[in-house]
PDB file of all heavy atoms in Angstrom:
ATOM      1  N   GLY A   1      56.525 109.932 -10.629  1.00  0.00           N
ATOM      2  CA  GLY A   1      56.626 111.265 -10.054  1.00  0.00           C
ATOM      3  C   GLY A   1      57.239 111.291  -8.668  1.00  0.00           C
ATOM      4  O   GLY A   1      57.323 112.354  -8.041  1.00  0.00           O
ATOM      5  N   CYS A   2      57.702 110.134  -8.183  1.00  0.00           N
ATOM      6  CA  CYS A   2      58.236 110.063  -6.817  1.00  0.00           C
ATOM      7  C   CYS A   2      59.596 110.769  -6.723  1.00  0.00           C
ATOM      8  O   CYS A   2      60.477 110.564  -7.553  1.00  0.00           O
ATOM      9  CB  CYS A   2      58.364 108.605  -6.388  1.00  0.00           C
ATOM     10  SG  CYS A   2      58.918 108.411  -4.668  1.00  0.00           S
ATOM     11  N   ARG A   3      59.762 111.552  -5.652  1.00  0.00           N
ATOM     12  CA  ARG A   3      61.034 112.235  -5.376  1.00  0.00           C
ATOM     13  C   ARG A   3      61.399 112.073  -3.896  1.00  0.00           C
ATOM     14  O   ARG A   3      61.987 112.953  -3.279  1.00  0.00           O
ATOM     15  CB  ARG A   3      60.933 113.729  -5.732  1.00  0.00           C
ATOM     16  CG  ARG A   3      60.584 113.996  -7.190  1.00  0.00           C
ATOM     17  CD  ARG A   3      60.575 115.491  -7.503  1.00  0.00           C
ATOM     18  NE  ARG A   3      61.874 116.094  -7.356  1.00  0.00           N
ATOM     19  CZ  ARG A   3      62.822 116.090  -8.289  1.00  0.00           C
ATOM     20  NH1 ARG A   3      62.601 115.485  -9.457  1.00  0.00           N
ATOM     21  NH2 ARG A   3      63.991 116.680  -8.071  1.00  0.00           N
ATOM     22  N   ALA A   4      61.078 110.910  -3.340  1.00  0.00           N
ATOM     23  CA  ALA A   4      61.210 110.714  -1.894  1.00  0.00           C
ATOM     24  C   ALA A   4      62.653 110.605  -1.418  1.00  0.00           C
ATOM     25  O   ALA A   4      62.939 110.952  -0.270  1.00  0.00           O
ATOM     26  CB  ALA A   4      60.426 109.481  -1.475  1.00  0.00           C
ATOM     27  N   CYS A   5      63.551 110.101  -2.242  1.00  0.00           N
ATOM     28  CA  CYS A   5      64.927 109.839  -1.798  1.00  0.00           C
ATOM     29  C   CYS A   5      65.877 110.833  -2.460  1.00  0.00           C
ATOM     30  O   CYS A   5      66.170 110.727  -3.660  1.00  0.00           O
ATOM     31  CB  CYS A   5      65.337 108.406  -2.142  1.00  0.00           C
ATOM     32  SG  CYS A   5      64.296 107.143  -1.371  1.00  0.00           S
ATOM     33  N   ASP A   6      66.395 111.774  -1.679  1.00  0.00           N
ATOM     34  CA  ASP A   6      67.211 112.849  -2.242  1.00  0.00           C
ATOM     35  C   ASP A   6      68.429 112.315  -3.000  1.00  0.00           C
ATOM     36  O   ASP A   6      68.767 112.809  -4.079  1.00  0.00           O
ATOM     37  CB  ASP A   6      67.672 113.796  -1.140  1.00  0.00           C
ATOM     38  CG  ASP A   6      66.523 114.592  -0.529  1.00  0.00           C
ATOM     39  OD1 ASP A   6      65.460 114.672  -1.175  1.00  0.00           O
ATOM     40  OD2 ASP A   6      66.685 115.117   0.586  1.00  0.00           O
ATOM     41  N   ARG A   7      69.112 111.324  -2.430  1.00  0.00           N
ATOM     42  CA  ARG A   7      70.320 110.798  -3.064  1.00  0.00           C
ATOM     43  C   ARG A   7      69.995 110.168  -4.409  1.00  0.00           C
ATOM     44  O   ARG A   7      70.727 110.370  -5.405  1.00  0.00           O
ATOM     45  CB  ARG A   7      70.982 109.768  -2.150  1.00  0.00           C
ATOM     46  CG  ARG A   7      72.346 109.258  -2.641  1.00  0.00           C
ATOM     47  CD  ARG A   7      72.919 108.227  -1.688  1.00  0.00           C
ATOM     48  NE  ARG A   7      72.351 106.906  -1.932  1.00  0.00           N
ATOM     49  CZ  ARG A   7      73.050 105.859  -2.399  1.00  0.00           C
ATOM     50  NH1 ARG A   7      74.337 105.995  -2.671  1.00  0.00           N
ATOM     51  NH2 ARG A   7      72.468 104.693  -2.574  1.00  0.00           N
ATOM     52  N   LEU A   8      68.911 109.421  -4.483  1.00  0.00           N
ATOM     53  CA  LEU A   8      68.539 108.757  -5.737  1.00  0.00           C
ATOM     54  C   LEU A   8      68.057 109.758  -6.777  1.00  0.00           C
ATOM     55  O   LEU A   8      68.366 109.618  -7.969  1.00  0.00           O
ATOM     56  CB  LEU A   8      67.461 107.701  -5.476  1.00  0.00           C
ATOM     57  CG  LEU A   8      67.855 106.543  -4.566  1.00  0.00           C
ATOM     58  CD1 LEU A   8      66.742 105.501  -4.519  1.00  0.00           C
ATOM     59  CD2 LEU A   8      69.171 105.909  -5.017  1.00  0.00           C
ATOM     60  N   VAL A   9      67.298 110.744  -6.351  1.00  0.00           N
ATOM     61  CA  VAL A   9      66.846 111.780  -7.279  1.00  0.00           C
ATOM     62  C   VAL A   9      68.048 112.500  -7.882  1.00  0.00           C
ATOM     63  O   VAL A   9      68.135 112.707  -9.105  1.00  0.00           O
ATOM     64  CB  VAL A   9      65.910 112.782  -6.578  1.00  0.00           C
ATOM     65  CG1 VAL A   9      65.629 113.978  -7.487  1.00  0.00           C
ATOM     66  CG2 VAL A   9      64.601 112.106  -6.184  1.00  0.00           C
ATOM     67  N   ALA A  10      68.999 112.879  -7.040  1.00  0.00           N
ATOM     68  CA  ALA A  10      70.180 113.595  -7.529  1.00  0.00           C
ATOM     69  C   ALA A  10      70.975 112.738  -8.505  1.00  0.00           C
ATOM     70  O   ALA A  10      71.434 113.228  -9.551  1.00  0.00           O
ATOM     71  CB  ALA A  10      71.060 114.014  -6.350  1.00  0.00           C
ATOM     72  N   TRP A  11      71.148 111.455  -8.198  1.00  0.00           N
ATOM     73  CA  TRP A  11      71.955 110.575  -9.039  1.00  0.00           C
ATOM     74  C   TRP A  11      71.288 110.303 -10.373  1.00  0.00           C
ATOM     75  O   TRP A  11      71.913 110.422 -11.432  1.00  0.00           O
ATOM     76  CB  TRP A  11      72.256 109.279  -8.310  1.00  0.00           C
ATOM     77  CG  TRP A  11      72.990 108.271  -9.146  1.00  0.00           C
ATOM     78  CD1 TRP A  11      72.499 107.107  -9.665  1.00  0.00           C
ATOM     79  CD2 TRP A  11      74.346 108.351  -9.606  1.00  0.00           C
ATOM     80  NE1 TRP A  11      73.459 106.450 -10.395  1.00  0.00           N
ATOM     81  CE2 TRP A  11      74.601 107.193 -10.378  1.00  0.00           C
ATOM     82  CE3 TRP A  11      75.361 109.299  -9.429  1.00  0.00           C
ATOM     83  CZ2 TRP A  11      75.842 106.956 -10.965  1.00  0.00           C
ATOM     84  CZ3 TRP A  11      76.591 109.056 -10.022  1.00  0.00           C
ATOM     85  CH2 TRP A  11      76.823 107.894 -10.780  1.00  0.00           C
ATOM     86  N   ARG A  12      70.014 109.925 -10.347  1.00  0.00           N
ATOM     87  CA  ARG A  12      69.327 109.580 -11.602  1.00  0.00           C
ATOM     88  C   ARG A  12      69.304 110.786 -12.546  1.00  0.00           C
ATOM     89  O   ARG A  12      69.441 110.635 -13.758  1.00  0.00           O
ATOM     90  CB  ARG A  12      67.906 109.080 -11.307  1.00  0.00           C
ATOM     91  CG  ARG A  12      66.901 110.159 -11.003  1.00  0.00           C
ATOM     92  CD  ARG A  12      65.598 109.687 -10.422  1.00  0.00           C
ATOM     93  NE  ARG A  12      64.624 110.777 -10.424  1.00  0.00           N
ATOM     94  CZ  ARG A  12      63.581 110.860  -9.607  1.00  0.00           C
ATOM     95  NH1 ARG A  12      63.360 109.913  -8.719  1.00  0.00           N
ATOM     96  NH2 ARG A  12      62.743 111.882  -9.690  1.00  0.00           N
ATOM     97  N   GLU A  13      69.155 111.997 -11.980  1.00  0.00           N
ATOM     98  CA  GLU A  13      69.097 113.189 -12.816  1.00  0.00           C
ATOM     99  C   GLU A  13      70.485 113.614 -13.297  1.00  0.00           C
ATOM    100  O   GLU A  13      70.624 114.110 -14.413  1.00  0.00           O
ATOM    101  CB  GLU A  13      68.392 114.316 -12.062  1.00  0.00           C
ATOM    102  CG  GLU A  13      66.915 113.990 -11.812  1.00  0.00           C
ATOM    103  CD  GLU A  13      66.168 115.076 -11.059  1.00  0.00           C
ATOM    104  OE1 GLU A  13      66.817 116.075 -10.656  1.00  0.00           O
ATOM    105  OE2 GLU A  13      64.944 114.934 -10.874  1.00  0.00           O
ATOM    106  N   GLN A  14      71.492 113.389 -12.477  1.00  0.00           N
ATOM    107  CA  GLN A  14      72.867 113.680 -12.910  1.00  0.00           C
ATOM    108  C   GLN A  14      73.262 112.782 -14.069  1.00  0.00           C
ATOM    109  O   GLN A  14      73.844 113.239 -15.070  1.00  0.00           O
ATOM    110  CB  GLN A  14      73.842 113.481 -11.751  1.00  0.00           C
ATOM    111  CG  GLN A  14      75.298 113.700 -12.152  1.00  0.00           C
ATOM    112  CD  GLN A  14      76.262 113.345 -11.027  1.00  0.00           C
ATOM    113  OE1 GLN A  14      75.931 113.480  -9.854  1.00  0.00           O
ATOM    114  NE2 GLN A  14      77.450 112.892 -11.388  1.00  0.00           N
ATOM    115  N   VAL A  15      72.950 111.492 -13.955  1.00  0.00           N
ATOM    116  CA  VAL A  15      73.259 110.551 -15.035  1.00  0.00           C
ATOM    117  C   VAL A  15      72.516 110.950 -16.311  1.00  0.00           C
ATOM    118  O   VAL A  15      73.078 110.863 -17.419  1.00  0.00           O
ATOM    119  CB  VAL A  15      72.889 109.117 -14.613  1.00  0.00           C
ATOM    120  CG1 VAL A  15      72.988 108.167 -15.797  1.00  0.00           C
ATOM    121  CG2 VAL A  15      73.795 108.643 -13.496  1.00  0.00           C
ATOM    122  N   ALA A  16      71.284 111.381 -16.169  1.00  0.00           N
ATOM    123  CA  ALA A  16      70.489 111.777 -17.333  1.00  0.00           C
ATOM    124  C   ALA A  16      71.049 113.024 -18.007  1.00  0.00           C
ATOM    125  O   ALA A  16      70.903 113.204 -19.222  1.00  0.00           O
ATOM    126  CB  ALA A  16      69.041 112.009 -16.917  1.00  0.00           C
ATOM    127  N   ARG A  17      71.714 113.879 -17.238  1.00  0.00           N
ATOM    128  CA  ARG A  17      72.337 115.078 -17.811  1.00  0.00           C
ATOM    129  C   ARG A  17      73.683 114.763 -18.445  1.00  0.00           C
ATOM    130  O   ARG A  17      73.976 115.170 -19.570  1.00  0.00           O
ATOM    131  CB  ARG A  17      72.521 116.154 -16.729  1.00  0.00           C
ATOM    132  CG  ARG A  17      71.265 116.830 -16.262  1.00  0.00           C
ATOM    133  CD  ARG A  17      71.607 118.070 -15.438  1.00  0.00           C
ATOM    134  NE  ARG A  17      72.484 117.744 -14.301  1.00  0.00           N
ATOM    135  CZ  ARG A  17      72.040 117.396 -13.097  1.00  0.00           C
ATOM    136  NH1 ARG A  17      70.744 117.305 -12.861  1.00  0.00           N
ATOM    137  NH2 ARG A  17      72.893 117.142 -12.116  1.00  0.00           N
ATOM    138  N   ASP A  18      74.508 114.032 -17.702  1.00  0.00           N
ATOM    139  CA  ASP A  18      75.870 113.785 -18.167  1.00  0.00           C
ATOM    140  C   ASP A  18      75.935 112.745 -19.270  1.00  0.00           C
ATOM    141  O   ASP A  18      76.775 112.832 -20.169  1.00  0.00           O
ATOM    142  CB  ASP A  18      76.750 113.341 -16.989  1.00  0.00           C
ATOM    143  CG  ASP A  18      76.876 114.418 -15.926  1.00  0.00           C
ATOM    144  OD1 ASP A  18      76.526 115.576 -16.223  1.00  0.00           O
ATOM    145  OD2 ASP A  18      77.314 114.091 -14.801  1.00  0.00           O
ATOM    146  N   LYS A  19      75.125 111.712 -19.180  1.00  0.00           N
ATOM    147  CA  LYS A  19      74.992 110.652 -20.189  1.00  0.00           C
ATOM    148  C   LYS A  19      76.302 109.880 -20.385  1.00  0.00           C
ATOM    149  O   LYS A  19      77.379 110.304 -19.978  1.00  0.00           O
ATOM    150  CB  LYS A  19      74.508 111.212 -21.528  1.00  0.00           C
ATOM    151  CG  LYS A  19      73.209 111.988 -21.431  1.00  0.00           C
ATOM    152  CD  LYS A  19      72.746 112.484 -22.786  1.00  0.00           C
ATOM    153  CE  LYS A  19      71.443 113.268 -22.647  1.00  0.00           C
ATOM    154  NZ  LYS A  19      70.939 113.737 -23.963  1.00  0.00           N
ATOM    155  N   ARG A  20      76.171 108.752 -20.990  1.00  0.00           N
ATOM    156  CA  ARG A  20      77.332 107.969 -21.433  1.00  0.00           C
ATOM    157  C   ARG A  20      77.614 108.353 -22.877  1.00  0.00           C
ATOM    158  O   ARG A  20      76.697 108.642 -23.646  1.00  0.00           O
ATOM    159  CB  ARG A  20      77.032 106.480 -21.300  1.00  0.00           C
ATOM    160  CG  ARG A  20      78.141 105.558 -21.784  1.00  0.00           C
ATOM    161  CD  ARG A  20      77.831 104.111 -21.441  1.00  0.00           C
ATOM    162  NE  ARG A  20      78.054 103.832 -20.018  1.00  0.00           N
ATOM    163  CZ  ARG A  20      77.716 102.683 -19.431  1.00  0.00           C
ATOM    164  NH1 ARG A  20      77.111 101.731 -20.129  1.00  0.00           N
ATOM    165  NH2 ARG A  20      77.967 102.502 -18.147  1.00  0.00           N
ATOM    166  N   ALA A  21      78.879 108.350 -23.247  1.00  0.00           N
ATOM    167  CA  ALA A  21      79.258 108.810 -24.583  1.00  0.00           C
ATOM    168  C   ALA A  21      78.485 108.082 -25.684  1.00  0.00           C
ATOM    169  O   ALA A  21      78.097 108.693 -26.692  1.00  0.00           O
ATOM    170  CB  ALA A  21      80.761 108.625 -24.780  1.00  0.00           C
ATOM    171  N   ALA A  22      78.227 106.790 -25.500  1.00  0.00           N
ATOM    172  CA  ALA A  22      77.530 106.015 -26.536  1.00  0.00           C
ATOM    173  C   ALA A  22      76.093 106.465 -26.719  1.00  0.00           C
ATOM    174  O   ALA A  22      75.481 106.203 -27.759  1.00  0.00           O
ATOM    175  CB  ALA A  22      77.566 104.532 -26.177  1.00  0.00           C
ATOM    176  N   PHE A  23      75.534 107.167 -25.717  1.00  0.00           N
ATOM    177  CA  PHE A  23      74.120 107.559 -25.778  1.00  0.00           C
ATOM    178  C   PHE A  23      73.957 109.070 -25.704  1.00  0.00           C
ATOM    179  O   PHE A  23      72.887 109.560 -25.345  1.00  0.00           O
ATOM    180  CB  PHE A  23      73.349 106.909 -24.624  1.00  0.00           C
ATOM    181  CG  PHE A  23      73.567 105.421 -24.491  1.00  0.00           C
ATOM    182  CD1 PHE A  23      74.055 104.881 -23.307  1.00  0.00           C
ATOM    183  CD2 PHE A  23      73.295 104.573 -25.551  1.00  0.00           C
ATOM    184  CE1 PHE A  23      74.258 103.517 -23.180  1.00  0.00           C
ATOM    185  CE2 PHE A  23      73.496 103.202 -25.437  1.00  0.00           C
ATOM    186  CZ  PHE A  23      73.981 102.667 -24.252  1.00  0.00           C
ATOM    187  N   VAL A  24      75.005 109.802 -26.058  1.00  0.00           N
ATOM    188  CA  VAL A  24      74.986 111.246 -25.872  1.00  0.00           C
ATOM    189  C   VAL A  24      73.882 111.923 -26.682  1.00  0.00           C
ATOM    190  O   VAL A  24      73.391 113.004 -26.320  1.00  0.00           O
ATOM    191  CB  VAL A  24      76.367 111.846 -26.222  1.00  0.00           C
ATOM    192  CG1 VAL A  24      76.638 111.742 -27.727  1.00  0.00           C
ATOM    193  CG2 VAL A  24      76.468 113.279 -25.725  1.00  0.00           C
ATOM    194  N   ASP A  25      73.435 111.291 -27.765  1.00  0.00           N
ATOM    195  CA  ASP A  25      72.399 111.900 -28.604  1.00  0.00           C
ATOM    196  C   ASP A  25      71.000 111.498 -28.180  1.00  0.00           C
ATOM    197  O   ASP A  25      70.017 111.884 -28.823  1.00  0.00           O
ATOM    198  CB  ASP A  25      72.619 111.513 -30.065  1.00  0.00           C
ATOM    199  CG  ASP A  25      72.548 110.001 -30.287  1.00  0.00           C
ATOM    200  OD1 ASP A  25      72.783 109.253 -29.315  1.00  0.00           O
ATOM    201  OD2 ASP A  25      72.258 109.578 -31.429  1.00  0.00           O
TER     202      ASP A  25
END
């Protein structure tokens, strides 16, 4: 549940939204 680092929170969530094509599903 940690959200201490703004840059890391933004990146991890962006990657989770955009995904890699091989894992889009």
